[in-house]
Amino acid sequence: MGRTRILPLAAMDKLMRKAGAPRVSDSAKEALSDALEQKGLELGAEAVKLSQHAGRKTVTAADVALASRKNQA
């Protein structure tokens, strides 16, 4: 049995099909899930830092948006 995933493989299949893939292998679903989870954890950690810097415990959509923009630079 594999590791516990945050993002379900069915959602990865749906994303890949929406992107135009007629078929998606299980390994491709797993790879996409791993990549998105890693990116999400990095983005989430940056958003937490931004909310703490602002003196808040609650992470807001603005924190996530700013973290995303900082991550693109």
C-alpha atoms as a PDB file:
ATOM      1  CA  MET A   1       0.000   0.000   0.000  1.00  0.00           C
ATOM      2  CA  GLY A   2       1.291   3.485  -0.908  1.00  0.00           C
ATOM      3  CA  ARG A   3       1.497   6.626   1.099  1.00  0.00           C
ATOM      4  CA  THR A   4      -1.531   8.636   2.144  1.00  0.00           C
ATOM      5  CA  ARG A   5      -2.264  11.306  -0.425  1.00  0.00           C
ATOM      6  CA  ILE A   6      -3.768  14.701   0.237  1.00  0.00           C
ATOM      7  CA  LEU A   7      -4.961  15.086  -3.355  1.00  0.00           C
ATOM      8  CA  PRO A   8      -6.946  12.128  -4.696  1.00  0.00           C
ATOM      9  CA  LEU A   9      -5.802  10.461  -7.904  1.00  0.00           C
ATOM     10  CA  ALA A  10      -9.282  10.830  -9.384  1.00  0.00           C
ATOM     11  CA  ALA A  11      -8.851  14.600  -9.212  1.00  0.00           C
ATOM     12  CA  MET A  12      -5.488  14.291 -11.007  1.00  0.00           C
ATOM     13  CA  ASP A  13      -7.177  12.278 -13.757  1.00  0.00           C
ATOM     14  CA  LYS A  14      -9.844  14.966 -14.097  1.00  0.00           C
ATOM     15  CA  LEU A  15      -7.215  17.743 -14.321  1.00  0.00           C
ATOM     16  CA  MET A  16      -5.198  15.901 -16.956  1.00  0.00           C
ATOM     17  CA  ARG A  17      -8.299  15.161 -19.042  1.00  0.00           C
ATOM     18  CA  LYS A  18      -9.382  18.794 -18.783  1.00  0.00           C
ATOM     19  CA  ALA A  19      -5.901  19.697 -20.061  1.00  0.00           C
ATOM     20  CA  GLY A  20      -6.548  17.525 -23.114  1.00  0.00           C
ATOM     21  CA  ALA A  21      -5.210  14.059 -22.281  1.00  0.00           C
ATOM     22  CA  PRO A  22      -7.447  11.331 -23.710  1.00  0.00           C
ATOM     23  CA  ARG A  23      -5.954   8.748 -21.306  1.00  0.00           C
ATOM     24  CA  VAL A  24      -3.896   9.112 -18.130  1.00  0.00           C
ATOM     25  CA  SER A  25      -1.713   6.409 -16.587  1.00  0.00           C
ATOM     26  CA  ASP A  26      -1.728   5.762 -12.844  1.00  0.00           C
ATOM     27  CA  SER A  27       1.932   6.772 -12.655  1.00  0.00           C
ATOM     28  CA  ALA A  28       1.132  10.110 -14.322  1.00  0.00           C
ATOM     29  CA  LYS A  29      -1.664  10.723 -11.802  1.00  0.00           C
ATOM     30  CA  GLU A  30       0.731   9.927  -8.954  1.00  0.00           C
ATOM     31  CA  ALA A  31       3.447  12.189 -10.380  1.00  0.00           C
ATOM     32  CA  LEU A  32       1.035  15.102 -10.785  1.00  0.00           C
ATOM     33  CA  SER A  33      -0.337  14.559  -7.286  1.00  0.00           C
ATOM     34  CA  ASP A  34       3.191  14.551  -5.821  1.00  0.00           C
ATOM     35  CA  ALA A  35       4.168  17.720  -7.698  1.00  0.00           C
ATOM     36  CA  LEU A  36       1.004  19.618  -6.775  1.00  0.00           C
ATOM     37  CA  GLU A  37       1.174  18.542  -3.136  1.00  0.00           C
ATOM     38  CA  GLN A  38       4.799  19.700  -2.878  1.00  0.00           C
ATOM     39  CA  LYS A  39       4.012  23.030  -4.539  1.00  0.00           C
ATOM     40  CA  GLY A  40       0.941  23.465  -2.323  1.00  0.00           C
ATOM     41  CA  LEU A  41       2.936  22.819   0.834  1.00  0.00           C
ATOM     42  CA  GLU A  42       5.559  25.370  -0.207  1.00  0.00           C
ATOM     43  CA  LEU A  43       2.903  27.953  -1.078  1.00  0.00           C
ATOM     44  CA  GLY A  44       1.022  27.257   2.149  1.00  0.00           C
ATOM     45  CA  ALA A  45       4.143  27.672   4.267  1.00  0.00           C
ATOM     46  CA  GLU A  46       4.871  31.032   2.629  1.00  0.00           C
ATOM     47  CA  ALA A  47       1.262  32.163   3.183  1.00  0.00           C
ATOM     48  CA  VAL A  48       1.551  31.219   6.871  1.00  0.00           C
ATOM     49  CA  LYS A  49       4.726  33.303   7.174  1.00  0.00           C
ATOM     50  CA  LEU A  50       2.958  36.275   5.602  1.00  0.00           C
ATOM     51  CA  SER A  51      -0.017  36.024   7.969  1.00  0.00           C
ATOM     52  CA  GLN A  52       2.292  35.744  10.981  1.00  0.00           C
ATOM     53  CA  HIS A  53       4.284  38.753   9.797  1.00  0.00           C
ATOM     54  CA  ALA A  54       1.003  40.691   9.668  1.00  0.00           C
ATOM     55  CA  GLY A  55       0.268  39.631  13.259  1.00  0.00           C
ATOM     56  CA  ARG A  56      -2.573  37.263  12.329  1.00  0.00           C
ATOM     57  CA  LYS A  57      -3.220  33.603  13.064  1.00  0.00           C
ATOM     58  CA  THR A  58      -5.665  33.291  10.165  1.00  0.00           C
ATOM     59  CA  VAL A  59      -4.280  32.792   6.668  1.00  0.00           C
ATOM     60  CA  THR A  60      -6.323  34.816   4.176  1.00  0.00           C
ATOM     61  CA  ALA A  61      -6.825  34.572   0.433  1.00  0.00           C
ATOM     62  CA  ALA A  62      -4.643  37.687   0.133  1.00  0.00           C
ATOM     63  CA  ASP A  63      -1.782  35.841   1.878  1.00  0.00           C
ATOM     64  CA  VAL A  64      -2.081  32.965  -0.580  1.00  0.00           C
ATOM     65  CA  ALA A  65      -2.229  35.346  -3.556  1.00  0.00           C
ATOM     66  CA  LEU A  66       0.840  37.255  -2.356  1.00  0.00           C
ATOM     67  CA  ALA A  67       2.734  34.026  -1.668  1.00  0.00           C
ATOM     68  CA  SER A  68       1.852  32.866  -5.189  1.00  0.00           C
ATOM     69  CA  ARG A  69       3.127  36.088  -6.731  1.00  0.00           C
ATOM     70  CA  LYS A  70       6.327  35.939  -4.655  1.00  0.00           C
ATOM     71  CA  ASN A  71       6.811  32.341  -5.770  1.00  0.00           C
ATOM     72  CA  GLN A  72       6.611  33.307  -9.459  1.00  0.00           C
ATOM     73  CA  ALA A  73       9.385  35.914  -9.184  1.00  0.00           C
END
